[in-house]
C-alpha atoms as a PDB file:
ATOM      1  CA  MET A   1     105.334  83.603  89.201  1.00  0.00           C
ATOM      2  CA  GLN A   2     105.138  87.565  88.526  1.00  0.00           C
ATOM      3  CA  ASN A   3     107.565  89.382  88.970  1.00  0.00           C
ATOM      4  CA  ASN A   4     107.723  93.247  89.900  1.00  0.00           C
ATOM      5  CA  VAL A   5     104.682  93.852  89.903  1.00  0.00           C
ATOM      6  CA  GLN A   6     102.372  96.559  91.063  1.00  0.00           C
ATOM      7  CA  ILE A   7     100.575  95.976  94.579  1.00  0.00           C
ATOM      8  CA  PRO A   8      97.649  97.965  95.979  1.00  0.00           C
ATOM      9  CA  GLU A   9      99.727  97.632  99.870  1.00  0.00           C
ATOM     10  CA  ASN A  10     102.399  97.316 101.087  1.00  0.00           C
ATOM     11  CA  LYS A  11     101.728  94.327 102.588  1.00  0.00           C
ATOM     12  CA  PHE A  12     103.617  90.247 102.546  1.00  0.00           C
ATOM     13  CA  ILE A  13     100.069  88.958 102.033  1.00  0.00           C
ATOM     14  CA  GLU A  14      97.284  89.333 100.447  1.00  0.00           C
ATOM     15  CA  ASP A  15      94.070  88.388 100.985  1.00  0.00           C
ATOM     16  CA  LEU A  16      92.130  88.235  97.399  1.00  0.00           C
ATOM     17  CA  GLY A  17      89.154  86.641  99.086  1.00  0.00           C
ATOM     18  CA  THR A  18      88.806  83.654  96.573  1.00  0.00           C
ATOM     19  CA  GLY A  19      90.601  81.343  98.932  1.00  0.00           C
ATOM     20  CA  PHE A  20      93.619  81.850  97.889  1.00  0.00           C
ATOM     21  CA  SER A  21      96.206  85.026  98.414  1.00  0.00           C
ATOM     22  CA  TYR A  22      99.797  86.513  97.107  1.00  0.00           C
ATOM     23  CA  ILE A  23     102.451  86.807  99.378  1.00  0.00           C
ATOM     24  CA  ASN A  24     104.968  89.397  98.189  1.00  0.00           C
ATOM     25  CA  PHE A  25     108.361  89.300  98.648  1.00  0.00           C
ATOM     26  CA  ASP A  26     110.875  92.229  97.699  1.00  0.00           C
ATOM     27  CA  ARG A  27     107.851  94.958  98.552  1.00  0.00           C
ATOM     28  CA  SER A  28     109.644  98.795  97.387  1.00  0.00           C
ATOM     29  CA  THR A  29     108.053 102.145  96.596  1.00  0.00           C
ATOM     30  CA  GLN A  30     108.606 103.604  93.455  1.00  0.00           C
ATOM     31  CA  GLU A  31     108.343 107.146  92.170  1.00  0.00           C
ATOM     32  CA  ILE A  32     106.507 106.345  88.550  1.00  0.00           C
ATOM     33  CA  THR A  33     105.521 108.043  85.828  1.00  0.00           C
ATOM     34  CA  ASP A  34     102.755 107.540  83.562  1.00  0.00           C
ATOM     35  CA  GLU A  35      99.944 109.547  82.042  1.00  0.00           C
ATOM     36  CA  SER A  36      98.357 110.809  84.266  1.00  0.00           C
ATOM     37  CA  GLY A  37     101.811 112.260  86.439  1.00  0.00           C
ATOM     38  CA  ALA A  38     104.317 110.913  88.854  1.00  0.00           C
ATOM     39  CA  ARG A  39     102.996 109.205  91.129  1.00  0.00           C
ATOM     40  CA  SER A  40     104.482 106.287  94.055  1.00  0.00           C
ATOM     41  CA  ALA A  41     103.450 103.082  93.991  1.00  0.00           C
ATOM     42  CA  ILE A  42     103.940  99.979  95.718  1.00  0.00           C
ATOM     43  CA  ILE A  43     106.034  97.316  93.914  1.00  0.00           C
ATOM     44  CA  ALA A  44     106.498  93.598  94.934  1.00  0.00           C
ATOM     45  CA  GLY A  45     109.792  92.654  92.905  1.00  0.00           C
ATOM     46  CA  SER A  46     108.201  89.070  93.225  1.00  0.00           C
ATOM     47  CA  GLN A  47     104.812  87.591  93.278  1.00  0.00           C
ATOM     48  CA  TYR A  48     102.935  83.818  94.643  1.00  0.00           C
ATOM     49  CA  ARG A  49     100.211  82.801  94.409  1.00  0.00           C
ATOM     50  CA  VAL A  50      99.110  80.335  97.950  1.00  0.00           C
ATOM     51  CA  GLU A  51      95.794  78.773  99.095  1.00  0.00           C
ATOM     52  CA  ASN A  52      95.103  79.486 102.509  1.00  0.00           C
ATOM     53  CA  PRO A  53      95.368  79.555 104.805  1.00  0.00           C
ATOM     54  CA  VAL A  54      98.630  81.018 103.977  1.00  0.00           C
ATOM     55  CA  THR A  55     101.684  78.799 106.136  1.00  0.00           C
ATOM     56  CA  LYS A  56     105.275  79.170 106.562  1.00  0.00           C
ATOM     57  CA  ASN A  57     105.635  75.846 104.697  1.00  0.00           C
ATOM     58  CA  LYS A  58     103.047  76.203 101.951  1.00  0.00           C
ATOM     59  CA  VAL A  59     105.166  79.572 100.996  1.00  0.00           C
ATOM     60  CA  ILE A  60     107.988  77.439 101.299  1.00  0.00           C
ATOM     61  CA  GLY A  61     107.210  74.925  99.244  1.00  0.00           C
ATOM     62  CA  ILE A  62     105.354  76.796  95.946  1.00  0.00           C
ATOM     63  CA  VAL A  63     108.758  79.414  96.502  1.00  0.00           C
ATOM     64  CA  ILE A  64     111.083  76.377  95.662  1.00  0.00           C
ATOM     65  CA  GLU A  65     109.077  74.488  93.905  1.00  0.00           C
ATOM     66  CA  ASP A  66     108.791  77.864  91.192  1.00  0.00           C
ATOM     67  CA  ASN A  67     112.602  79.137  91.511  1.00  0.00           C
ATOM     68  CA  TYR A  68     113.708  75.259  91.601  1.00  0.00           C
ATOM     69  CA  PRO A  69     112.232  72.342  89.729  1.00  0.00           C
ATOM     70  CA  ASN A  70     114.967  70.147  89.878  1.00  0.00           C
ATOM     71  CA  VAL A  71     115.589  70.489  93.344  1.00  0.00           C
ATOM     72  CA  ASN A  72     115.314  66.920  93.844  1.00  0.00           C
ATOM     73  CA  ASP A  73     118.267  67.111  91.525  1.00  0.00           C
ATOM     74  CA  ILE A  74     119.919  70.027  93.980  1.00  0.00           C
ATOM     75  CA  LEU A  75     119.255  67.682  96.788  1.00  0.00           C
ATOM     76  CA  ARG A  76     120.988  64.829  95.486  1.00  0.00           C
ATOM     77  CA  LYS A  77     124.045  67.002  95.464  1.00  0.00           C
ATOM     78  CA  GLY A  78     124.093  68.520  98.472  1.00  0.00           C
ATOM     79  CA  VAL A  79     123.834  64.985  99.902  1.00  0.00           C
ATOM     80  CA  LEU A  80     127.086  63.907  97.982  1.00  0.00           C
ATOM     81  CA  ASN A  81     128.726  67.205  99.191  1.00  0.00           C
ATOM     82  CA  ASN A  82     127.469  69.721 100.911  1.00  0.00           C
ATOM     83  CA  ALA A  83     129.134  71.619  99.484  1.00  0.00           C
ATOM     84  CA  ASP A  84     128.565  71.238  95.972  1.00  0.00           C
ATOM     85  CA  PRO A  85     128.270  75.724  94.569  1.00  0.00           C
ATOM     86  CA  ASP A  86     124.086  75.033  93.663  1.00  0.00           C
ATOM     87  CA  PHE A  87     123.367  73.154  97.101  1.00  0.00           C
ATOM     88  CA  VAL A  88     124.659  76.474  99.024  1.00  0.00           C
ATOM     89  CA  SER A  89     123.438  78.625  96.502  1.00  0.00           C
ATOM     90  CA  PHE A  90     119.863  77.383  97.127  1.00  0.00           C
ATOM     91  CA  ASN A  91     120.435  76.454 100.983  1.00  0.00           C
ATOM     92  CA  ALA A  92     120.973  80.415 100.683  1.00  0.00           C
ATOM     93  CA  PHE A  93     118.245  80.984  98.821  1.00  0.00           C
ATOM     94  CA  VAL A  94     115.755  78.565 101.123  1.00  0.00           C
ATOM     95  CA  ILE A  95     117.337  80.114 104.245  1.00  0.00           C
ATOM     96  CA  ASN A  96     116.229  83.791 102.687  1.00  0.00           C
ATOM     97  CA  VAL A  97     113.106  82.798 101.938  1.00  0.00           C
ATOM     98  CA  GLN A  98     112.060  81.447 105.366  1.00  0.00           C
ATOM     99  CA  THR A  99     113.867  84.968 107.651  1.00  0.00           C
ATOM    100  CA  GLU A 100     111.371  87.055 105.665  1.00  0.00           C
ATOM    101  CA  CYS A 101     108.125  84.468 106.385  1.00  0.00           C
ATOM    102  CA  ASP A 102     109.948  84.958 110.010  1.00  0.00           C
ATOM    103  CA  ASN A 103     110.384  89.137 109.371  1.00  0.00           C
ATOM    104  CA  GLU A 104     106.128  88.760 108.092  1.00  0.00           C
ATOM    105  CA  SER A 105     104.784  86.671 111.253  1.00  0.00           C
ATOM    106  CA  VAL A 106     103.733  84.049 108.925  1.00  0.00           C
ATOM    107  CA  LEU A 107     103.959  81.038 110.822  1.00  0.00           C
END
């Protein structure tokens, strides 16, 4: 995962033409000033590399793997107590990723 990456187009899925795609979450347009002056740039708040073909399950899996390396521990906590704060936070995170994929029409 990379954070705050400047991307060429406002696309959720950016096919790299190499058998992989970048998945661009939390895209926004920002004004950037550099040596060439002020300009608008599209920034991906977080970017993940996913093997093609991109599917909702692949995206969710990569995002969880990158953000929750201890996912098995969190899931065990949730089995024992579904009100555990770590599990509740994890569950909300996963729902957010699923919703983003649905909003971007990733199947």
